[in-house]
Structure formats: C-alpha cells, structure tokens
Amino acid sequence: MSAGTALDNRAPAFTLRPSRKLEEIVANHPSAQKRNRQRVKRTLRNRSVRSAVRSEVKVVRTAIASKDAKAAKTALLEATVALDKAASKGALHPKAASRQVSRLAAQVHKLGKA
C-alpha cells in the first residue's frame, strides 16, 4: 500500500453546506419567525435595489467606454441619485456608494477634458 492511498480515503476536514433558499430556515419562537419574515422581505428588496443601481452604473460605464461625454454626464446624474437613494435605504453602505460616485465622476470629468 502506498502512502498516497491512505490519505485519499480520509474524510474531508470540512464539508460545504448546500446553499439554502431564503424561506427554508425554520424558527421556533414567534419573535424569531417574525424576524425571519422581515429578513426575507428586506433581502428581496435590497437585492432589487442593488440590481437597479448596478444597471444605472453600467449605463455610465458604457457611456464612458464609448467616449460620449454628454451621455456620460446625464447617466452619471441618474446613477448618483440611485446610489444615494440605495445608501439612504440601507441597501448599500453609505461610504461604498460615495466611493462609487466619486470614481465615476472622476472618470466622466476626465472624459470631458479629453
């Protein structure tokens, strides 16, 4: 018997848990059940808001890539509003939203100079 086969028959050191759906977790107490319902609603709402924000940011990035300064500026305004709104709702961290707005604005500003 070789040394490699003895190691191959061992059980893995850890197992990966299969991903759970949002509604699958079962709570035992009424307060925990309510928190679970709230968590599901908030997760779905935040997911939707973040998706919309990513779409707005994508429009800005495509305008920057096509070197269209006017379209980039208008798209930047819309994306800024969407990012700020998502940050105020708690779907994004306020500093993350601010950082993203800052970086996009710098790229659009650089585009206008060129």
PDB file of N, CA and C in Angstrom:
ATOM      1  N   MET A   1       0.844  -1.173   0.000  1.00  0.00           N
ATOM      2  CA  MET A   1       0.000   0.000   0.000  1.00  0.00           C
ATOM      3  C   MET A   1       0.894   1.243   0.000  1.00  0.00           C
ATOM      4  N   SER A   2       0.584   2.179  -0.876  1.00  0.00           N
ATOM      5  CA  SER A   2       1.386   3.395  -0.958  1.00  0.00           C
ATOM      6  C   SER A   2       0.860   4.435   0.018  1.00  0.00           C
ATOM      7  N   ALA A   3       1.687   5.414   0.299  1.00  0.00           N
ATOM      8  CA  ALA A   3       1.306   6.436   1.271  1.00  0.00           C
ATOM      9  C   ALA A   3       0.162   7.292   0.747  1.00  0.00           C
ATOM     10  N   GLY A   4       0.062   7.456  -0.558  1.00  0.00           N
ATOM     11  CA  GLY A   4      -0.978   8.305  -1.133  1.00  0.00           C
ATOM     12  C   GLY A   4      -2.370   7.740  -0.967  1.00  0.00           C
ATOM     13  N   THR A   5      -2.534   6.435  -1.022  1.00  0.00           N
ATOM     14  CA  THR A   5      -3.872   5.859  -0.922  1.00  0.00           C
ATOM     15  C   THR A   5      -4.445   5.981   0.479  1.00  0.00           C
ATOM     16  N   ALA A   6      -3.629   5.922   1.500  1.00  0.00           N
ATOM     17  CA  ALA A   6      -4.141   6.061   2.858  1.00  0.00           C
ATOM     18  C   ALA A   6      -4.703   7.458   3.077  1.00  0.00           C
ATOM     19  N   LEU A   7      -4.077   8.459   2.491  1.00  0.00           N
ATOM     20  CA  LEU A   7      -4.562   9.821   2.641  1.00  0.00           C
ATOM     21  C   LEU A   7      -5.810  10.075   1.805  1.00  0.00           C
ATOM     22  N   ASP A   8      -5.935   9.388   0.680  1.00  0.00           N
ATOM     23  CA  ASP A   8      -7.084   9.605  -0.179  1.00  0.00           C
ATOM     24  C   ASP A   8      -8.371   9.084   0.433  1.00  0.00           C
ATOM     25  N   ASN A   9      -8.303   8.113   1.352  1.00  0.00           N
ATOM     26  CA  ASN A   9      -9.504   7.528   1.940  1.00  0.00           C
ATOM     27  C   ASN A   9     -10.016   8.307   3.151  1.00  0.00           C
ATOM     28  N   ARG A  10      -9.321   9.339   3.562  1.00  0.00           N
ATOM     29  CA  ARG A  10      -9.761  10.122   4.715  1.00  0.00           C
ATOM     30  C   ARG A  10     -11.004  10.933   4.389  1.00  0.00           C
ATOM     31  N   ALA A  11     -11.757  11.236   5.412  1.00  0.00           N
ATOM     32  CA  ALA A  11     -12.906  12.131   5.247  1.00  0.00           C
ATOM     33  C   ALA A  11     -12.379  13.552   5.104  1.00  0.00           C
ATOM     34  N   PRO A  12     -13.073  14.398   4.380  1.00  0.00           N
ATOM     35  CA  PRO A  12     -12.606  15.778   4.248  1.00  0.00           C
ATOM     36  C   PRO A  12     -12.608  16.490   5.598  1.00  0.00           C
ATOM     37  N   ALA A  13     -11.719  17.444   5.735  1.00  0.00           N
ATOM     38  CA  ALA A  13     -11.591  18.163   7.002  1.00  0.00           C
ATOM     39  C   ALA A  13     -12.824  19.013   7.280  1.00  0.00           C
ATOM     40  N   PHE A  14     -13.508  19.454   6.263  1.00  0.00           N
ATOM     41  CA  PHE A  14     -14.715  20.239   6.429  1.00  0.00           C
ATOM     42  C   PHE A  14     -15.657  19.918   5.275  1.00  0.00           C
ATOM     43  N   THR A  15     -16.921  20.194   5.483  1.00  0.00           N
ATOM     44  CA  THR A  15     -17.902  19.979   4.419  1.00  0.00           C
ATOM     45  C   THR A  15     -18.571  21.305   4.112  1.00  0.00           C
ATOM     46  N   LEU A  16     -18.870  21.525   2.884  1.00  0.00           N
ATOM     47  CA  LEU A  16     -19.567  22.737   2.486  1.00  0.00           C
ATOM     48  C   LEU A  16     -21.065  22.527   2.642  1.00  0.00           C
ATOM     49  N   ARG A  17     -21.706  23.482   3.290  1.00  0.00           N
ATOM     50  CA  ARG A  17     -23.155  23.376   3.434  1.00  0.00           C
ATOM     51  C   ARG A  17     -23.805  23.767   2.124  1.00  0.00           C
ATOM     52  N   PRO A  18     -24.829  23.068   1.699  1.00  0.00           N
ATOM     53  CA  PRO A  18     -25.518  23.483   0.482  1.00  0.00           C
ATOM     54  C   PRO A  18     -26.203  24.825   0.727  1.00  0.00           C
ATOM     55  N   SER A  19     -26.297  25.632  -0.295  1.00  0.00           N
ATOM     56  CA  SER A  19     -26.911  26.940  -0.128  1.00  0.00           C
ATOM     57  C   SER A  19     -28.401  26.761   0.151  1.00  0.00           C
ATOM     58  N   ARG A  20     -28.901  27.556   1.050  1.00  0.00           N
ATOM     59  CA  ARG A  20     -30.297  27.477   1.430  1.00  0.00           C
ATOM     60  C   ARG A  20     -31.087  28.570   0.736  1.00  0.00           C
ATOM     61  N   LYS A  21     -32.331  28.290   0.454  1.00  0.00           N
ATOM     62  CA  LYS A  21     -33.217  29.320  -0.072  1.00  0.00           C
ATOM     63  C   LYS A  21     -33.605  30.241   1.067  1.00  0.00           C
ATOM     64  N   LEU A  22     -34.149  31.402   0.730  1.00  0.00           N
ATOM     65  CA  LEU A  22     -34.457  32.384   1.758  1.00  0.00           C
ATOM     66  C   LEU A  22     -35.500  31.894   2.756  1.00  0.00           C
ATOM     67  N   GLU A  23     -36.483  31.146   2.300  1.00  0.00           N
ATOM     68  CA  GLU A  23     -37.594  30.771   3.161  1.00  0.00           C
ATOM     69  C   GLU A  23     -37.381  29.453   3.895  1.00  0.00           C
ATOM     70  N   GLU A  24     -36.279  28.757   3.682  1.00  0.00           N
ATOM     71  CA  GLU A  24     -36.109  27.415   4.217  1.00  0.00           C
ATOM     72  C   GLU A  24     -35.786  27.364   5.704  1.00  0.00           C
ATOM     73  N   ILE A  25     -35.237  28.406   6.269  1.00  0.00           N
ATOM     74  CA  ILE A  25     -34.833  28.380   7.667  1.00  0.00           C
ATOM     75  C   ILE A  25     -36.087  28.425   8.539  1.00  0.00           C
ATOM     76  N   VAL A  26     -36.181  27.488   9.461  1.00  0.00           N
ATOM     77  CA  VAL A  26     -37.370  27.380  10.304  1.00  0.00           C
ATOM     78  C   VAL A  26     -37.034  27.893  11.692  1.00  0.00           C
ATOM     79  N   ALA A  27     -37.845  28.831  12.172  1.00  0.00           N
ATOM     80  CA  ALA A  27     -37.643  29.381  13.507  1.00  0.00           C
ATOM     81  C   ALA A  27     -38.635  28.740  14.469  1.00  0.00           C
ATOM     82  N   ASN A  28     -38.290  28.711  15.747  1.00  0.00           N
ATOM     83  CA  ASN A  28     -39.128  28.059  16.744  1.00  0.00           C
ATOM     84  C   ASN A  28     -40.009  29.024  17.529  1.00  0.00           C
ATOM     85  N   HIS A  29     -39.572  30.251  17.741  1.00  0.00           N
ATOM     86  CA  HIS A  29     -40.315  31.203  18.559  1.00  0.00           C
ATOM     87  C   HIS A  29     -40.996  32.236  17.670  1.00  0.00           C
ATOM     88  N   PRO A  30     -42.118  32.773  18.113  1.00  0.00           N
ATOM     89  CA  PRO A  30     -42.835  33.767  17.298  1.00  0.00           C
ATOM     90  C   PRO A  30     -41.981  34.977  16.926  1.00  0.00           C
ATOM     91  N   SER A  31     -41.164  35.433  17.860  1.00  0.00           N
ATOM     92  CA  SER A  31     -40.324  36.598  17.558  1.00  0.00           C
ATOM     93  C   SER A  31     -39.281  36.246  16.499  1.00  0.00           C
ATOM     94  N   ALA A  32     -38.743  35.029  16.569  1.00  0.00           N
ATOM     95  CA  ALA A  32     -37.768  34.592  15.566  1.00  0.00           C
ATOM     96  C   ALA A  32     -38.439  34.386  14.213  1.00  0.00           C
ATOM     97  N   GLN A  33     -39.688  33.922  14.230  1.00  0.00           N
ATOM     98  CA  GLN A  33     -40.422  33.762  12.970  1.00  0.00           C
ATOM     99  C   GLN A  33     -40.662  35.109  12.311  1.00  0.00           C
ATOM    100  N   LYS A  34     -41.005  36.099  13.139  1.00  0.00           N
ATOM    101  CA  LYS A  34     -41.225  37.445  12.605  1.00  0.00           C
ATOM    102  C   LYS A  34     -39.928  38.022  12.037  1.00  0.00           C
ATOM    103  N   ARG A  35     -38.838  37.844  12.773  1.00  0.00           N
ATOM    104  CA  ARG A  35     -37.547  38.338  12.277  1.00  0.00           C
ATOM    105  C   ARG A  35     -37.179  37.662  10.961  1.00  0.00           C
ATOM    106  N   ASN A  36     -37.522  36.393  10.831  1.00  0.00           N
ATOM    107  CA  ASN A  36     -37.239  35.668   9.600  1.00  0.00           C
ATOM    108  C   ASN A  36     -38.059  36.238   8.448  1.00  0.00           C
ATOM    109  N   ARG A  37     -39.344  36.523   8.702  1.00  0.00           N
ATOM    110  CA  ARG A  37     -40.177  37.124   7.656  1.00  0.00           C
ATOM    111  C   ARG A  37     -39.626  38.491   7.249  1.00  0.00           C
ATOM    112  N   GLN A  38     -39.215  39.277   8.228  1.00  0.00           N
ATOM    113  CA  GLN A  38     -38.650  40.593   7.923  1.00  0.00           C
ATOM    114  C   GLN A  38     -37.362  40.465   7.120  1.00  0.00           C
ATOM    115  N   ARG A  39     -36.537  39.489   7.502  1.00  0.00           N
ATOM    116  CA  ARG A  39     -35.270  39.281   6.802  1.00  0.00           C
ATOM    117  C   ARG A  39     -35.501  38.926   5.340  1.00  0.00           C
ATOM    118  N   VAL A  40     -36.475  38.080   5.089  1.00  0.00           N
ATOM    119  CA  VAL A  40     -36.768  37.672   3.713  1.00  0.00           C
ATOM    120  C   VAL A  40     -37.220  38.872   2.894  1.00  0.00           C
ATOM    121  N   LYS A  41     -38.126  39.680   3.456  1.00  0.00           N
ATOM    122  CA  LYS A  41     -38.622  40.848   2.734  1.00  0.00           C
ATOM    123  C   LYS A  41     -37.508  41.849   2.439  1.00  0.00           C
ATOM    124  N   ARG A  42     -36.688  42.101   3.455  1.00  0.00           N
ATOM    125  CA  ARG A  42     -35.611  43.074   3.282  1.00  0.00           C
ATOM    126  C   ARG A  42     -34.558  42.580   2.304  1.00  0.00           C
ATOM    127  N   THR A  43     -34.273  41.290   2.351  1.00  0.00           N
ATOM    128  CA  THR A  43     -33.284  40.744   1.432  1.00  0.00           C
ATOM    129  C   THR A  43     -33.747  40.891  -0.005  1.00  0.00           C
ATOM    130  N   LEU A  44     -35.004  40.570  -0.260  1.00  0.00           N
ATOM    131  CA  LEU A  44     -35.537  40.697  -1.626  1.00  0.00           C
ATOM    132  C   LEU A  44     -35.554  42.159  -2.070  1.00  0.00           C
ATOM    133  N   ARG A  45     -35.950  43.058  -1.175  1.00  0.00           N
ATOM    134  CA  ARG A  45     -35.998  44.474  -1.528  1.00  0.00           C
ATOM    135  C   ARG A  45     -34.590  45.000  -1.802  1.00  0.00           C
ATOM    136  N   ASN A  46     -33.639  44.658  -0.930  1.00  0.00           N
ATOM    137  CA  ASN A  46     -32.265  45.130  -1.114  1.00  0.00           C
ATOM    138  C   ASN A  46     -31.649  44.565  -2.383  1.00  0.00           C
ATOM    139  N   ARG A  47     -31.953  43.306  -2.682  1.00  0.00           N
ATOM    140  CA  ARG A  47     -31.435  42.689  -3.899  1.00  0.00           C
ATOM    141  C   ARG A  47     -31.945  43.438  -5.130  1.00  0.00           C
ATOM    142  N   SER A  48     -33.211  43.810  -5.116  1.00  0.00           N
ATOM    143  CA  SER A  48     -33.800  44.539  -6.230  1.00  0.00           C
ATOM    144  C   SER A  48     -33.173  45.928  -6.378  1.00  0.00           C
ATOM    145  N   VAL A  49     -32.988  46.603  -5.250  1.00  0.00           N
ATOM    146  CA  VAL A  49     -32.402  47.948  -5.279  1.00  0.00           C
ATOM    147  C   VAL A  49     -30.963  47.889  -5.787  1.00  0.00           C
ATOM    148  N   ARG A  50     -30.187  46.931  -5.291  1.00  0.00           N
ATOM    149  CA  ARG A  50     -28.788  46.819  -5.732  1.00  0.00           C
ATOM    150  C   ARG A  50     -28.698  46.483  -7.214  1.00  0.00           C
ATOM    151  N   SER A  51     -29.615  45.673  -7.699  1.00  0.00           N
ATOM    152  CA  SER A  51     -29.628  45.325  -9.116  1.00  0.00           C
ATOM    153  C   SER A  51     -29.911  46.558  -9.965  1.00  0.00           C
ATOM    154  N   ALA A  52     -30.869  47.367  -9.540  1.00  0.00           N
ATOM    155  CA  ALA A  52     -31.193  48.591 -10.273  1.00  0.00           C
ATOM    156  C   ALA A  52     -30.009  49.561 -10.274  1.00  0.00           C
ATOM    157  N   VAL A  53     -29.327  49.649  -9.148  1.00  0.00           N
ATOM    158  CA  VAL A  53     -28.162  50.534  -9.052  1.00  0.00           C
ATOM    159  C   VAL A  53     -27.056  50.053  -9.987  1.00  0.00           C
ATOM    160  N   ARG A  54     -26.820  48.746 -10.019  1.00  0.00           N
ATOM    161  CA  ARG A  54     -25.789  48.215 -10.909  1.00  0.00           C
ATOM    162  C   ARG A  54     -26.126  48.509 -12.370  1.00  0.00           C
ATOM    163  N   SER A  55     -27.404  48.464 -12.711  1.00  0.00           N
ATOM    164  CA  SER A  55     -27.808  48.779 -14.088  1.00  0.00           C
ATOM    165  C   SER A  55     -27.515  50.236 -14.418  1.00  0.00           C
ATOM    166  N   GLU A  56     -27.805  51.134 -13.480  1.00  0.00           N
ATOM    167  CA  GLU A  56     -27.534  52.560 -13.696  1.00  0.00           C
ATOM    168  C   GLU A  56     -26.032  52.813 -13.856  1.00  0.00           C
ATOM    169  N   VAL A  57     -25.230  52.161 -13.038  1.00  0.00           N
ATOM    170  CA  VAL A  57     -23.776  52.331 -13.099  1.00  0.00           C
ATOM    171  C   VAL A  57     -23.242  51.769 -14.421  1.00  0.00           C
ATOM    172  N   LYS A  58     -23.839  50.693 -14.875  1.00  0.00           N
ATOM    173  CA  LYS A  58     -23.418  50.081 -16.136  1.00  0.00           C
ATOM    174  C   LYS A  58     -23.649  51.032 -17.307  1.00  0.00           C
ATOM    175  N   VAL A  59     -24.749  51.781 -17.265  1.00  0.00           N
ATOM    176  CA  VAL A  59     -25.032  52.760 -18.317  1.00  0.00           C
ATOM    177  C   VAL A  59     -23.938  53.828 -18.344  1.00  0.00           C
ATOM    178  N   VAL A  60     -23.526  54.270 -17.168  1.00  0.00           N
ATOM    179  CA  VAL A  60     -22.453  55.280 -17.094  1.00  0.00           C
ATOM    180  C   VAL A  60     -21.161  54.710 -17.663  1.00  0.00           C
ATOM    181  N   ARG A  61     -20.833  53.485 -17.279  1.00  0.00           N
ATOM    182  CA  ARG A  61     -19.575  52.890 -17.743  1.00  0.00           C
ATOM    183  C   ARG A  61     -19.566  52.666 -19.252  1.00  0.00           C
ATOM    184  N   THR A  62     -20.696  52.295 -19.833  1.00  0.00           N
ATOM    185  CA  THR A  62     -20.738  52.119 -21.284  1.00  0.00           C
ATOM    186  C   THR A  62     -20.606  53.462 -21.989  1.00  0.00           C
ATOM    187  N   ALA A  63     -21.189  54.514 -21.409  1.00  0.00           N
ATOM    188  CA  ALA A  63     -21.038  55.851 -21.997  1.00  0.00           C
ATOM    189  C   ALA A  63     -19.589  56.314 -21.909  1.00  0.00           C
ATOM    190  N   ILE A  64     -18.922  56.000 -20.811  1.00  0.00           N
ATOM    191  CA  ILE A  64     -17.504  56.356 -20.661  1.00  0.00           C
ATOM    192  C   ILE A  64     -16.670  55.582 -21.669  1.00  0.00           C
ATOM    193  N   ALA A  65     -16.992  54.297 -21.841  1.00  0.00           N
ATOM    194  CA  ALA A  65     -16.232  53.466 -22.778  1.00  0.00           C
ATOM    195  C   ALA A  65     -16.398  53.938 -24.213  1.00  0.00           C
ATOM    196  N   SER A  66     -17.595  54.458 -24.529  1.00  0.00           N
ATOM    197  CA  SER A  66     -17.826  54.954 -25.893  1.00  0.00           C
ATOM    198  C   SER A  66     -17.352  56.393 -26.067  1.00  0.00           C
ATOM    199  N   LYS A  67     -16.807  56.980 -25.003  1.00  0.00           N
ATOM    200  CA  LYS A  67     -16.248  58.338 -25.008  1.00  0.00           C
ATOM    201  C   LYS A  67     -17.298  59.396 -25.354  1.00  0.00           C
ATOM    202  N   ASP A  68     -18.533  59.174 -24.907  1.00  0.00           N
ATOM    203  CA  ASP A  68     -19.628  60.115 -25.115  1.00  0.00           C
ATOM    204  C   ASP A  68     -19.814  60.917 -23.826  1.00  0.00           C
ATOM    205  N   ALA A  69     -19.228  62.113 -23.792  1.00  0.00           N
ATOM    206  CA  ALA A  69     -19.201  62.904 -22.560  1.00  0.00           C
ATOM    207  C   ALA A  69     -20.595  63.359 -22.147  1.00  0.00           C
ATOM    208  N   LYS A  70     -21.412  63.753 -23.107  1.00  0.00           N
ATOM    209  CA  LYS A  70     -22.746  64.265 -22.771  1.00  0.00           C
ATOM    210  C   LYS A  70     -23.619  63.151 -22.189  1.00  0.00           C
ATOM    211  N   ALA A  71     -23.614  61.998 -22.823  1.00  0.00           N
ATOM    212  CA  ALA A  71     -24.400  60.870 -22.319  1.00  0.00           C
ATOM    213  C   ALA A  71     -23.866  60.401 -20.967  1.00  0.00           C
ATOM    214  N   ALA A  72     -22.566  60.454 -20.791  1.00  0.00           N
ATOM    215  CA  ALA A  72     -21.965  60.036 -19.531  1.00  0.00           C
ATOM    216  C   ALA A  72     -22.391  60.963 -18.396  1.00  0.00           C
ATOM    217  N   LYS A  73     -22.468  62.262 -18.665  1.00  0.00           N
ATOM    218  CA  LYS A  73     -22.870  63.204 -17.623  1.00  0.00           C
ATOM    219  C   LYS A  73     -24.315  62.988 -17.197  1.00  0.00           C
ATOM    220  N   THR A  74     -25.204  62.802 -18.172  1.00  0.00           N
ATOM    221  CA  THR A  74     -26.614  62.580 -17.807  1.00  0.00           C
ATOM    222  C   THR A  74     -26.789  61.244 -17.086  1.00  0.00           C
ATOM    223  N   ALA A  75     -26.082  60.223 -17.550  1.00  0.00           N
ATOM    224  CA  ALA A  75     -26.165  58.920 -16.889  1.00  0.00           C
ATOM    225  C   ALA A  75     -25.563  58.981 -15.489  1.00  0.00           C
ATOM    226  N   LEU A  76     -24.512  59.799 -15.322  1.00  0.00           N
ATOM    227  CA  LEU A  76     -23.894  59.951 -14.004  1.00  0.00           C
ATOM    228  C   LEU A  76     -24.873  60.568 -13.011  1.00  0.00           C
ATOM    229  N   LEU A  77     -25.652  61.545 -13.451  1.00  0.00           N
ATOM    230  CA  LEU A  77     -26.635  62.160 -12.563  1.00  0.00           C
ATOM    231  C   LEU A  77     -27.664  61.127 -12.097  1.00  0.00           C
ATOM    232  N   GLU A  78     -28.138  60.316 -13.032  1.00  0.00           N
ATOM    233  CA  GLU A  78     -29.125  59.293 -12.672  1.00  0.00           C
ATOM    234  C   GLU A  78     -28.512  58.243 -11.742  1.00  0.00           C
ATOM    235  N   ALA A  79     -27.287  57.852 -12.023  1.00  0.00           N
ATOM    236  CA  ALA A  79     -26.630  56.849 -11.190  1.00  0.00           C
ATOM    237  C   ALA A  79     -26.347  57.403  -9.797  1.00  0.00           C
ATOM    238  N   THR A  80     -25.994  58.676  -9.713  1.00  0.00           N
ATOM    239  CA  THR A  80     -25.723  59.302  -8.423  1.00  0.00           C
ATOM    240  C   THR A  80     -26.974  59.294  -7.553  1.00  0.00           C
ATOM    241  N   VAL A  81     -28.109  59.637  -8.159  1.00  0.00           N
ATOM    242  CA  VAL A  81     -29.369  59.631  -7.416  1.00  0.00           C
ATOM    243  C   VAL A  81     -29.685  58.213  -6.937  1.00  0.00           C
ATOM    244  N   ALA A  82     -29.512  57.237  -7.828  1.00  0.00           N
ATOM    245  CA  ALA A  82     -29.813  55.846  -7.467  1.00  0.00           C
ATOM    246  C   ALA A  82     -28.884  55.351  -6.352  1.00  0.00           C
ATOM    247  N   LEU A  83     -27.604  55.678  -6.437  1.00  0.00           N
ATOM    248  CA  LEU A  83     -26.651  55.255  -5.406  1.00  0.00           C
ATOM    249  C   LEU A  83     -26.956  55.909  -4.064  1.00  0.00           C
ATOM    250  N   ASP A  84     -27.246  57.211  -4.076  1.00  0.00           N
ATOM    251  CA  ASP A  84     -27.552  57.907  -2.829  1.00  0.00           C
ATOM    252  C   ASP A  84     -28.832  57.378  -2.198  1.00  0.00           C
ATOM    253  N   LYS A  85     -29.826  57.080  -3.033  1.00  0.00           N
ATOM    254  CA  LYS A  85     -31.079  56.550  -2.519  1.00  0.00           C
ATOM    255  C   LYS A  85     -30.878  55.160  -1.923  1.00  0.00           C
ATOM    256  N   ALA A  86     -30.074  54.331  -2.592  1.00  0.00           N
ATOM    257  CA  ALA A  86     -29.801  52.989  -2.078  1.00  0.00           C
ATOM    258  C   ALA A  86     -29.043  53.072  -0.756  1.00  0.00           C
ATOM    259  N   ALA A  87     -28.139  54.035  -0.642  1.00  0.00           N
ATOM    260  CA  ALA A  87     -27.388  54.202   0.602  1.00  0.00           C
ATOM    261  C   ALA A  87     -28.308  54.680   1.724  1.00  0.00           C
ATOM    262  N   SER A  88     -29.230  55.577   1.417  1.00  0.00           N
ATOM    263  CA  SER A  88     -30.129  56.075   2.452  1.00  0.00           C
ATOM    264  C   SER A  88     -31.114  55.002   2.908  1.00  0.00           C
ATOM    265  N   LYS A  89     -31.451  54.071   2.020  1.00  0.00           N
ATOM    266  CA  LYS A  89     -32.362  52.973   2.383  1.00  0.00           C
ATOM    267  C   LYS A  89     -31.645  51.849   3.126  1.00  0.00           C
ATOM    268  N   GLY A  90     -30.313  51.833   3.067  1.00  0.00           N
ATOM    269  CA  GLY A  90     -29.561  50.797   3.756  1.00  0.00           C
ATOM    270  C   GLY A  90     -29.217  49.612   2.877  1.00  0.00           C
ATOM    271  N   ALA A  91     -29.516  49.681   1.590  1.00  0.00           N
ATOM    272  CA  ALA A  91     -29.188  48.580   0.687  1.00  0.00           C
ATOM    273  C   ALA A  91     -27.693  48.566   0.373  1.00  0.00           C
ATOM    274  N   LEU A  92     -27.068  49.730   0.424  1.00  0.00           N
ATOM    275  CA  LEU A  92     -25.617  49.861   0.222  1.00  0.00           C
ATOM    276  C   LEU A  92     -25.041  50.627   1.400  1.00  0.00           C
ATOM    277  N   HIS A  93     -23.786  50.383   1.679  1.00  0.00           N
ATOM    278  CA  HIS A  93     -23.109  51.157   2.711  1.00  0.00           C
ATOM    279  C   HIS A  93     -22.894  52.572   2.181  1.00  0.00           C
ATOM    280  N   PRO A  94     -23.148  53.590   2.991  1.00  0.00           N
ATOM    281  CA  PRO A  94     -23.014  54.967   2.509  1.00  0.00           C
ATOM    282  C   PRO A  94     -21.632  55.301   1.945  1.00  0.00           C
ATOM    283  N   LYS A  95     -20.579  54.782   2.581  1.00  0.00           N
ATOM    284  CA  LYS A  95     -19.233  55.080   2.081  1.00  0.00           C
ATOM    285  C   LYS A  95     -18.954  54.353   0.769  1.00  0.00           C
ATOM    286  N   ALA A  96     -19.522  53.172   0.593  1.00  0.00           N
ATOM    287  CA  ALA A  96     -19.352  52.444  -0.666  1.00  0.00           C
ATOM    288  C   ALA A  96     -20.036  53.191  -1.803  1.00  0.00           C
ATOM    289  N   ALA A  97     -21.235  53.714  -1.528  1.00  0.00           N
ATOM    290  CA  ALA A  97     -21.954  54.484  -2.540  1.00  0.00           C
ATOM    291  C   ALA A  97     -21.188  55.764  -2.879  1.00  0.00           C
ATOM    292  N   SER A  98     -20.689  56.440  -1.862  1.00  0.00           N
ATOM    293  CA  SER A  98     -19.937  57.671  -2.069  1.00  0.00           C
ATOM    294  C   SER A  98     -18.668  57.410  -2.877  1.00  0.00           C
ATOM    295  N   ARG A  99     -17.995  56.327  -2.561  1.00  0.00           N
ATOM    296  CA  ARG A  99     -16.773  55.978  -3.291  1.00  0.00           C
ATOM    297  C   ARG A  99     -17.070  55.698  -4.764  1.00  0.00           C
ATOM    298  N   GLN A 100     -18.187  55.007  -5.017  1.00  0.00           N
ATOM    299  CA  GLN A 100     -18.529  54.677  -6.390  1.00  0.00           C
ATOM    300  C   GLN A 100     -18.896  55.935  -7.178  1.00  0.00           C
ATOM    301  N   VAL A 101     -19.646  56.843  -6.547  1.00  0.00           N
ATOM    302  CA  VAL A 101     -19.998  58.105  -7.200  1.00  0.00           C
ATOM    303  C   VAL A 101     -18.740  58.900  -7.503  1.00  0.00           C
ATOM    304  N   SER A 102     -17.822  58.950  -6.551  1.00  0.00           N
ATOM    305  CA  SER A 102     -16.593  59.709  -6.724  1.00  0.00           C
ATOM    306  C   SER A 102     -15.765  59.176  -7.893  1.00  0.00           C
ATOM    307  N   ARG A 103     -15.631  57.861  -7.967  1.00  0.00           N
ATOM    308  CA  ARG A 103     -14.822  57.275  -9.032  1.00  0.00           C
ATOM    309  C   ARG A 103     -15.468  57.477 -10.404  1.00  0.00           C
ATOM    310  N   LEU A 104     -16.789  57.317 -10.459  1.00  0.00           N
ATOM    311  CA  LEU A 104     -17.479  57.544 -11.734  1.00  0.00           C
ATOM    312  C   LEU A 104     -17.370  59.007 -12.158  1.00  0.00           C
ATOM    313  N   ALA A 105     -17.537  59.913 -11.196  1.00  0.00           N
ATOM    314  CA  ALA A 105     -17.461  61.341 -11.511  1.00  0.00           C
ATOM    315  C   ALA A 105     -16.067  61.711 -12.012  1.00  0.00           C
ATOM    316  N   ALA A 106     -15.043  61.126 -11.423  1.00  0.00           N
ATOM    317  CA  ALA A 106     -13.684  61.412 -11.869  1.00  0.00           C
ATOM    318  C   ALA A 106     -13.467  60.926 -13.296  1.00  0.00           C
ATOM    319  N   GLN A 107     -14.008  59.755 -13.618  1.00  0.00           N
ATOM    320  CA  GLN A 107     -13.866  59.243 -14.986  1.00  0.00           C
ATOM    321  C   GLN A 107     -14.617  60.102 -15.987  1.00  0.00           C
ATOM    322  N   VAL A 108     -15.821  60.564 -15.603  1.00  0.00           N
ATOM    323  CA  VAL A 108     -16.605  61.418 -16.508  1.00  0.00           C
ATOM    324  C   VAL A 108     -15.909  62.763 -16.668  1.00  0.00           C
ATOM    325  N   HIS A 109     -15.344  63.298 -15.581  1.00  0.00           N
ATOM    326  CA  HIS A 109     -14.633  64.578 -15.655  1.00  0.00           C
ATOM    327  C   HIS A 109     -13.413  64.472 -16.560  1.00  0.00           C
ATOM    328  N   LYS A 110     -12.697  63.365 -16.444  1.00  0.00           N
ATOM    329  CA  LYS A 110     -11.521  63.142 -17.281  1.00  0.00           C
ATOM    330  C   LYS A 110     -11.926  63.034 -18.753  1.00  0.00           C
ATOM    331  N   LEU A 111     -13.110  62.468 -18.991  1.00  0.00           N
ATOM    332  CA  LEU A 111     -13.617  62.316 -20.348  1.00  0.00           C
ATOM    333  C   LEU A 111     -13.933  63.676 -20.965  1.00  0.00           C
ATOM    334  N   GLY A 112     -14.462  64.609 -20.139  1.00  0.00           N
ATOM    335  CA  GLY A 112     -14.787  65.943 -20.638  1.00  0.00           C
ATOM    336  C   GLY A 112     -13.554  66.760 -20.984  1.00  0.00           C
ATOM    337  N   LYS A 113     -12.448  66.513 -20.307  1.00  0.00           N
ATOM    338  CA  LYS A 113     -11.205  67.253 -20.581  1.00  0.00           C
ATOM    339  C   LYS A 113     -10.553  66.800 -21.889  1.00  0.00           C
ATOM    340  N   ALA A 114     -10.710  65.534 -22.214  1.00  0.00           N
ATOM    341  CA  ALA A 114     -10.025  64.995 -23.377  1.00  0.00           C
ATOM    342  C   ALA A 114     -10.636  65.415 -24.680  1.00  0.00           C
TER     343      ALA A 114
END
